[in-house]
Amino acid sequence: MRLLSFRIRRAAKRRKVTYSFLFMKSSGDQLRQLASIIDAGTIRPVVDQVFPLESTKEALTYVEQGRAKGKVVVKVG
């Protein structure tokens, strides 16, 4: 992973920020921990677009086109 992230780590260093990978499993404990890190502002996810559940097909098409510049969210409820 260190080799794969060389360019992004170098860009982060130039901007005086830290960059690290965060690997998650489907675990309630890890999701709670991630939520607290986000709530504290330690990490800030970049959201490109939010689609309603009914537009899931359009959201997937958007992601497949490679135009997303952040996370694409499908909102339930």
PDB file of N, CA and C in Angstrom:
ATOM      1  N   MET A   1       0.823  -1.189   0.000  1.00  0.00           N
ATOM      2  CA  MET A   1       0.000   0.000   0.000  1.00  0.00           C
ATOM      3  C   MET A   1       0.870   1.257   0.000  1.00  0.00           C
ATOM      4  N   ARG A   2       2.015   1.150   0.622  1.00  0.00           N
ATOM      5  CA  ARG A   2       2.898   2.319   0.689  1.00  0.00           C
ATOM      6  C   ARG A   2       3.304   2.772  -0.714  1.00  0.00           C
ATOM      7  N   LEU A   3       3.643   1.822  -1.555  1.00  0.00           N
ATOM      8  CA  LEU A   3       4.035   2.148  -2.922  1.00  0.00           C
ATOM      9  C   LEU A   3       2.854   2.714  -3.712  1.00  0.00           C
ATOM     10  N   LEU A   4       1.694   2.114  -3.544  1.00  0.00           N
ATOM     11  CA  LEU A   4       0.505   2.577  -4.279  1.00  0.00           C
ATOM     12  C   LEU A   4       0.081   3.988  -3.882  1.00  0.00           C
ATOM     13  N   SER A   5       0.380   4.380  -2.654  1.00  0.00           N
ATOM     14  CA  SER A   5      -0.056   5.696  -2.179  1.00  0.00           C
ATOM     15  C   SER A   5       1.041   6.754  -2.239  1.00  0.00           C
ATOM     16  N   PHE A   6       2.142   6.472  -2.908  1.00  0.00           N
ATOM     17  CA  PHE A   6       3.273   7.399  -2.930  1.00  0.00           C
ATOM     18  C   PHE A   6       2.874   8.796  -3.411  1.00  0.00           C
ATOM     19  N   ARG A   7       2.177   8.873  -4.541  1.00  0.00           N
ATOM     20  CA  ARG A   7       1.822  10.191  -5.106  1.00  0.00           C
ATOM     21  C   ARG A   7       0.907  10.980  -4.183  1.00  0.00           C
ATOM     22  N   ILE A   8      -0.092  10.324  -3.626  1.00  0.00           N
ATOM     23  CA  ILE A   8      -1.031  11.038  -2.760  1.00  0.00           C
ATOM     24  C   ILE A   8      -0.365  11.457  -1.453  1.00  0.00           C
ATOM     25  N   ARG A   9       0.526  10.620  -0.907  1.00  0.00           N
ATOM     26  CA  ARG A   9       1.238  10.999   0.309  1.00  0.00           C
ATOM     27  C   ARG A   9       2.163  12.177   0.062  1.00  0.00           C
ATOM     28  N   ARG A  10       2.809  12.196  -1.106  1.00  0.00           N
ATOM     29  CA  ARG A  10       3.696  13.317  -1.454  1.00  0.00           C
ATOM     30  C   ARG A  10       2.890  14.607  -1.587  1.00  0.00           C
ATOM     31  N   ALA A  11       1.722  14.528  -2.233  1.00  0.00           N
ATOM     32  CA  ALA A  11       0.866  15.712  -2.373  1.00  0.00           C
ATOM     33  C   ALA A  11       0.368  16.180  -1.004  1.00  0.00           C
ATOM     34  N   ALA A  12       0.033  15.246  -0.139  1.00  0.00           N
ATOM     35  CA  ALA A  12      -0.420  15.603   1.205  1.00  0.00           C
ATOM     36  C   ALA A  12       0.690  16.288   1.985  1.00  0.00           C
ATOM     37  N   LYS A  13       1.906  15.777   1.862  1.00  0.00           N
ATOM     38  CA  LYS A  13       3.043  16.373   2.573  1.00  0.00           C
ATOM     39  C   LYS A  13       3.269  17.808   2.124  1.00  0.00           C
ATOM     40  N   ARG A  14       3.137  18.062   0.818  1.00  0.00           N
ATOM     41  CA  ARG A  14       3.297  19.433   0.306  1.00  0.00           C
ATOM     42  C   ARG A  14       2.258  20.368   0.900  1.00  0.00           C
ATOM     43  N   ARG A  15       1.081  19.834   1.186  1.00  0.00           N
ATOM     44  CA  ARG A  15       0.001  20.660   1.752  1.00  0.00           C
ATOM     45  C   ARG A  15      -0.014  20.625   3.276  1.00  0.00           C
ATOM     46  N   LYS A  16       0.989  19.953   3.843  1.00  0.00           N
ATOM     47  CA  LYS A  16       1.145  19.847   5.295  1.00  0.00           C
ATOM     48  C   LYS A  16      -0.058  19.182   5.971  1.00  0.00           C
ATOM     49  N   VAL A  17      -0.553  18.121   5.340  1.00  0.00           N
ATOM     50  CA  VAL A  17      -1.610  17.304   5.933  1.00  0.00           C
ATOM     51  C   VAL A  17      -1.151  15.852   5.938  1.00  0.00           C
ATOM     52  N   THR A  18      -1.763  15.049   6.773  1.00  0.00           N
ATOM     53  CA  THR A  18      -1.431  13.629   6.800  1.00  0.00           C
ATOM     54  C   THR A  18      -2.454  12.850   5.989  1.00  0.00           C
ATOM     55  N   TYR A  19      -2.013  11.735   5.472  1.00  0.00           N
ATOM     56  CA  TYR A  19      -2.864  10.880   4.658  1.00  0.00           C
ATOM     57  C   TYR A  19      -2.617   9.447   5.073  1.00  0.00           C
ATOM     58  N   SER A  20      -3.692   8.713   5.303  1.00  0.00           N
ATOM     59  CA  SER A  20      -3.533   7.298   5.613  1.00  0.00           C
ATOM     60  C   SER A  20      -4.756   6.532   5.118  1.00  0.00           C
ATOM     61  N   PHE A  21      -4.553   5.247   4.880  1.00  0.00           N
ATOM     62  CA  PHE A  21      -5.648   4.386   4.467  1.00  0.00           C
ATOM     63  C   PHE A  21      -6.412   3.959   5.713  1.00  0.00           C
ATOM     64  N   LEU A  22      -7.705   3.779   5.570  1.00  0.00           N
ATOM     65  CA  LEU A  22      -8.531   3.289   6.656  1.00  0.00           C
ATOM     66  C   LEU A  22      -9.288   2.078   6.132  1.00  0.00           C
ATOM     67  N   PHE A  23      -8.922   0.902   6.623  1.00  0.00           N
ATOM     68  CA  PHE A  23      -9.570  -0.332   6.187  1.00  0.00           C
ATOM     69  C   PHE A  23     -10.649  -0.695   7.189  1.00  0.00           C
ATOM     70  N   MET A  24     -11.837  -1.007   6.678  1.00  0.00           N
ATOM     71  CA  MET A  24     -12.971  -1.320   7.540  1.00  0.00           C
ATOM     72  C   MET A  24     -13.535  -2.695   7.208  1.00  0.00           C
ATOM     73  N   LYS A  25     -14.126  -3.313   8.193  1.00  0.00           N
ATOM     74  CA  LYS A  25     -14.882  -4.547   8.029  1.00  0.00           C
ATOM     75  C   LYS A  25     -16.336  -4.223   8.366  1.00  0.00           C
ATOM     76  N   SER A  26     -17.232  -5.128   8.055  1.00  0.00           N
ATOM     77  CA  SER A  26     -18.635  -4.955   8.427  1.00  0.00           C
ATOM     78  C   SER A  26     -18.776  -5.248   9.912  1.00  0.00           C
ATOM     79  N   SER A  27     -18.460  -4.270  10.715  1.00  0.00           N
ATOM     80  CA  SER A  27     -18.455  -4.443  12.161  1.00  0.00           C
ATOM     81  C   SER A  27     -19.119  -3.227  12.800  1.00  0.00           C
ATOM     82  N   GLY A  28     -20.105  -3.477  13.649  1.00  0.00           N
ATOM     83  CA  GLY A  28     -20.777  -2.379  14.341  1.00  0.00           C
ATOM     84  C   GLY A  28     -19.813  -1.542  15.156  1.00  0.00           C
ATOM     85  N   ASP A  29     -18.864  -2.198  15.830  1.00  0.00           N
ATOM     86  CA  ASP A  29     -17.887  -1.461  16.636  1.00  0.00           C
ATOM     87  C   ASP A  29     -17.044  -0.534  15.767  1.00  0.00           C
ATOM     88  N   GLN A  30     -16.577  -1.045  14.621  1.00  0.00           N
ATOM     89  CA  GLN A  30     -15.766  -0.205  13.741  1.00  0.00           C
ATOM     90  C   GLN A  30     -16.591   0.931  13.146  1.00  0.00           C
ATOM     91  N   LEU A  31     -17.839   0.656  12.801  1.00  0.00           N
ATOM     92  CA  LEU A  31     -18.684   1.716  12.244  1.00  0.00           C
ATOM     93  C   LEU A  31     -18.949   2.803  13.285  1.00  0.00           C
ATOM     94  N   ARG A  32     -19.146   2.425  14.546  1.00  0.00           N
ATOM     95  CA  ARG A  32     -19.321   3.426  15.612  1.00  0.00           C
ATOM     96  C   ARG A  32     -18.050   4.260  15.780  1.00  0.00           C
ATOM     97  N   GLN A  33     -16.905   3.583  15.723  1.00  0.00           N
ATOM     98  CA  GLN A  33     -15.629   4.294  15.841  1.00  0.00           C
ATOM     99  C   GLN A  33     -15.450   5.259  14.674  1.00  0.00           C
ATOM    100  N   LEU A  34     -15.762   4.811  13.471  1.00  0.00           N
ATOM    101  CA  LEU A  34     -15.659   5.672  12.296  1.00  0.00           C
ATOM    102  C   LEU A  34     -16.598   6.867  12.424  1.00  0.00           C
ATOM    103  N   ALA A  35     -17.812   6.636  12.895  1.00  0.00           N
ATOM    104  CA  ALA A  35     -18.767   7.733  13.065  1.00  0.00           C
ATOM    105  C   ALA A  35     -18.235   8.776  14.040  1.00  0.00           C
ATOM    106  N   SER A  36     -17.607   8.338  15.126  1.00  0.00           N
ATOM    107  CA  SER A  36     -17.069   9.298  16.093  1.00  0.00           C
ATOM    108  C   SER A  36     -15.893  10.078  15.508  1.00  0.00           C
ATOM    109  N   ILE A  37     -15.081   9.434  14.679  1.00  0.00           N
ATOM    110  CA  ILE A  37     -13.963  10.129  14.026  1.00  0.00           C
ATOM    111  C   ILE A  37     -14.489  11.186  13.058  1.00  0.00           C
ATOM    112  N   ILE A  38     -15.531  10.848  12.318  1.00  0.00           N
ATOM    113  CA  ILE A  38     -16.133  11.814  11.391  1.00  0.00           C
ATOM    114  C   ILE A  38     -16.786  12.948  12.163  1.00  0.00           C
ATOM    115  N   ASP A  39     -17.548  12.615  13.227  1.00  0.00           N
ATOM    116  CA  ASP A  39     -18.207  13.640  14.039  1.00  0.00           C
ATOM    117  C   ASP A  39     -17.201  14.601  14.657  1.00  0.00           C
ATOM    118  N   ALA A  40     -16.025  14.100  15.023  1.00  0.00           N
ATOM    119  CA  ALA A  40     -14.981  14.941  15.622  1.00  0.00           C
ATOM    120  C   ALA A  40     -14.279  15.808  14.580  1.00  0.00           C
ATOM    121  N   GLY A  41     -14.525  15.524  13.296  1.00  0.00           N
ATOM    122  CA  GLY A  41     -13.895  16.309  12.243  1.00  0.00           C
ATOM    123  C   GLY A  41     -12.478  15.871  11.918  1.00  0.00           C
ATOM    124  N   THR A  42     -12.049  14.719  12.462  1.00  0.00           N
ATOM    125  CA  THR A  42     -10.708  14.218  12.201  1.00  0.00           C
ATOM    126  C   THR A  42     -10.551  13.848  10.733  1.00  0.00           C
ATOM    127  N   ILE A  43     -11.584  13.215  10.179  1.00  0.00           N
ATOM    128  CA  ILE A  43     -11.608  12.949   8.743  1.00  0.00           C
ATOM    129  C   ILE A  43     -12.885  13.550   8.177  1.00  0.00           C
ATOM    130  N   ARG A  44     -12.801  13.993   6.957  1.00  0.00           N
ATOM    131  CA  ARG A  44     -13.946  14.610   6.294  1.00  0.00           C
ATOM    132  C   ARG A  44     -14.171  13.918   4.953  1.00  0.00           C
ATOM    133  N   PRO A  45     -15.183  13.052   4.891  1.00  0.00           N
ATOM    134  CA  PRO A  45     -15.465  12.407   3.616  1.00  0.00           C
ATOM    135  C   PRO A  45     -15.938  13.430   2.592  1.00  0.00           C
ATOM    136  N   VAL A  46     -15.544  13.248   1.357  1.00  0.00           N
ATOM    137  CA  VAL A  46     -15.965  14.141   0.277  1.00  0.00           C
ATOM    138  C   VAL A  46     -17.161  13.483  -0.413  1.00  0.00           C
ATOM    139  N   VAL A  47     -18.311  14.147  -0.342  1.00  0.00           N
ATOM    140  CA  VAL A  47     -19.523  13.620  -0.960  1.00  0.00           C
ATOM    141  C   VAL A  47     -19.735  14.340  -2.286  1.00  0.00           C
ATOM    142  N   ASP A  48     -19.764  13.579  -3.362  1.00  0.00           N
ATOM    143  CA  ASP A  48     -19.967  14.137  -4.697  1.00  0.00           C
ATOM    144  C   ASP A  48     -21.444  14.401  -4.949  1.00  0.00           C
ATOM    145  N   GLN A  49     -22.272  13.369  -4.787  1.00  0.00           N
ATOM    146  CA  GLN A  49     -23.705  13.503  -5.016  1.00  0.00           C
ATOM    147  C   GLN A  49     -24.475  12.587  -4.091  1.00  0.00           C
ATOM    148  N   VAL A  50     -25.716  12.981  -3.803  1.00  0.00           N
ATOM    149  CA  VAL A  50     -26.623  12.165  -3.013  1.00  0.00           C
ATOM    150  C   VAL A  50     -27.826  11.838  -3.888  1.00  0.00           C
ATOM    151  N   PHE A  51     -28.145  10.553  -3.989  1.00  0.00           N
ATOM    152  CA  PHE A  51     -29.289  10.099  -4.782  1.00  0.00           C
ATOM    153  C   PHE A  51     -30.325   9.496  -3.846  1.00  0.00           C
ATOM    154  N   PRO A  52     -31.620   9.691  -4.116  1.00  0.00           N
ATOM    155  CA  PRO A  52     -32.642   8.989  -3.337  1.00  0.00           C
ATOM    156  C   PRO A  52     -32.634   7.504  -3.694  1.00  0.00           C
ATOM    157  N   LEU A  53     -33.170   6.682  -2.810  1.00  0.00           N
ATOM    158  CA  LEU A  53     -33.177   5.241  -3.019  1.00  0.00           C
ATOM    159  C   LEU A  53     -33.785   4.872  -4.374  1.00  0.00           C
ATOM    160  N   GLU A  54     -34.813   5.587  -4.785  1.00  0.00           N
ATOM    161  CA  GLU A  54     -35.482   5.291  -6.053  1.00  0.00           C
ATOM    162  C   GLU A  54     -34.563   5.500  -7.256  1.00  0.00           C
ATOM    163  N   SER A  55     -33.489   6.247  -7.084  1.00  0.00           N
ATOM    164  CA  SER A  55     -32.563   6.550  -8.189  1.00  0.00           C
ATOM    165  C   SER A  55     -31.268   5.763  -8.083  1.00  0.00           C
ATOM    166  N   THR A  56     -31.315   4.610  -7.434  1.00  0.00           N
ATOM    167  CA  THR A  56     -30.116   3.791  -7.257  1.00  0.00           C
ATOM    168  C   THR A  56     -29.485   3.433  -8.603  1.00  0.00           C
ATOM    169  N   LYS A  57     -30.311   3.110  -9.583  1.00  0.00           N
ATOM    170  CA  LYS A  57     -29.779   2.750 -10.905  1.00  0.00           C
ATOM    171  C   LYS A  57     -28.994   3.924 -11.502  1.00  0.00           C
ATOM    172  N   GLU A  58     -29.531   5.130 -11.378  1.00  0.00           N
ATOM    173  CA  GLU A  58     -28.830   6.317 -11.891  1.00  0.00           C
ATOM    174  C   GLU A  58     -27.533   6.559 -11.121  1.00  0.00           C
ATOM    175  N   ALA A  59     -27.553   6.307  -9.805  1.00  0.00           N
ATOM    176  CA  ALA A  59     -26.345   6.481  -8.994  1.00  0.00           C
ATOM    177  C   ALA A  59     -25.255   5.522  -9.452  1.00  0.00           C
ATOM    178  N   LEU A  60     -25.624   4.273  -9.708  1.00  0.00           N
ATOM    179  CA  LEU A  60     -24.638   3.293 -10.174  1.00  0.00           C
ATOM    180  C   LEU A  60     -24.099   3.657 -11.553  1.00  0.00           C
ATOM    181  N   THR A  61     -24.960   4.144 -12.426  1.00  0.00           N
ATOM    182  CA  THR A  61     -24.517   4.588 -13.752  1.00  0.00           C
ATOM    183  C   THR A  61     -23.530   5.739 -13.619  1.00  0.00           C
ATOM    184  N   TYR A  62     -23.832   6.678 -12.725  1.00  0.00           N
ATOM    185  CA  TYR A  62     -22.957   7.822 -12.488  1.00  0.00           C
ATOM    186  C   TYR A  62     -21.571   7.357 -12.020  1.00  0.00           C
ATOM    187  N   VAL A  63     -21.541   6.411 -11.092  1.00  0.00           N
ATOM    188  CA  VAL A  63     -20.261   5.888 -10.588  1.00  0.00           C
ATOM    189  C   VAL A  63     -19.500   5.171 -11.696  1.00  0.00           C
ATOM    190  N   GLU A  64     -20.205   4.359 -12.473  1.00  0.00           N
ATOM    191  CA  GLU A  64     -19.559   3.602 -13.549  1.00  0.00           C
ATOM    192  C   GLU A  64     -18.949   4.508 -14.612  1.00  0.00           C
ATOM    193  N   GLN A  65     -19.507   5.695 -14.798  1.00  0.00           N
ATOM    194  CA  GLN A  65     -18.976   6.629 -15.793  1.00  0.00           C
ATOM    195  C   GLN A  65     -17.668   7.259 -15.349  1.00  0.00           C
ATOM    196  N   GLY A  66     -17.327   7.094 -14.072  1.00  0.00           N
ATOM    197  CA  GLY A  66     -16.058   7.600 -13.571  1.00  0.00           C
ATOM    198  C   GLY A  66     -16.015   9.100 -13.370  1.00  0.00           C
ATOM    199  N   ARG A  67     -17.158   9.746 -13.276  1.00  0.00           N
ATOM    200  CA  ARG A  67     -17.188  11.203 -13.119  1.00  0.00           C
ATOM    201  C   ARG A  67     -17.196  11.656 -11.667  1.00  0.00           C
ATOM    202  N   ALA A  68     -17.452  10.755 -10.747  1.00  0.00           N
ATOM    203  CA  ALA A  68     -17.557  11.121  -9.336  1.00  0.00           C
ATOM    204  C   ALA A  68     -16.220  11.623  -8.799  1.00  0.00           C
ATOM    205  N   LYS A  69     -16.266  12.708  -8.065  1.00  0.00           N
ATOM    206  CA  LYS A  69     -15.062  13.292  -7.452  1.00  0.00           C
ATOM    207  C   LYS A  69     -15.097  13.118  -5.935  1.00  0.00           C
ATOM    208  N   GLY A  70     -15.812  12.133  -5.496  1.00  0.00           N
ATOM    209  CA  GLY A  70     -15.952  11.845  -4.071  1.00  0.00           C
ATOM    210  C   GLY A  70     -16.913  10.683  -3.929  1.00  0.00           C
ATOM    211  N   LYS A  71     -17.476  10.556  -2.752  1.00  0.00           N
ATOM    212  CA  LYS A  71     -18.413   9.459  -2.495  1.00  0.00           C
ATOM    213  C   LYS A  71     -19.769   9.763  -3.118  1.00  0.00           C
ATOM    214  N   VAL A  72     -20.392   8.734  -3.623  1.00  0.00           N
ATOM    215  CA  VAL A  72     -21.754   8.831  -4.134  1.00  0.00           C
ATOM    216  C   VAL A  72     -22.638   8.114  -3.114  1.00  0.00           C
ATOM    217  N   VAL A  73     -23.616   8.824  -2.595  1.00  0.00           N
ATOM    218  CA  VAL A  73     -24.451   8.321  -1.499  1.00  0.00           C
ATOM    219  C   VAL A  73     -25.840   8.001  -2.024  1.00  0.00           C
ATOM    220  N   VAL A  74     -26.384   6.858  -1.627  1.00  0.00           N
ATOM    221  CA  VAL A  74     -27.773   6.522  -1.881  1.00  0.00           C
ATOM    222  C   VAL A  74     -28.492   6.654  -0.542  1.00  0.00           C
ATOM    223  N   LYS A  75     -29.410   7.607  -0.483  1.00  0.00           N
ATOM    224  CA  LYS A  75     -30.089   7.938   0.776  1.00  0.00           C
ATOM    225  C   LYS A  75     -31.332   7.071   0.941  1.00  0.00           C
ATOM    226  N   VAL A  76     -31.417   6.403   2.076  1.00  0.00           N
ATOM    227  CA  VAL A  76     -32.567   5.571   2.404  1.00  0.00           C
ATOM    228  C   VAL A  76     -33.433   6.347   3.384  1.00  0.00           C
ATOM    229  N   GLY A  77     -34.689   6.519   3.026  1.00  0.00           N
ATOM    230  CA  GLY A  77     -35.627   7.189   3.935  1.00  0.00           C
ATOM    231  C   GLY A  77     -35.729   8.656   3.796  1.00  0.00           C
TER     232      GLY A  77
END
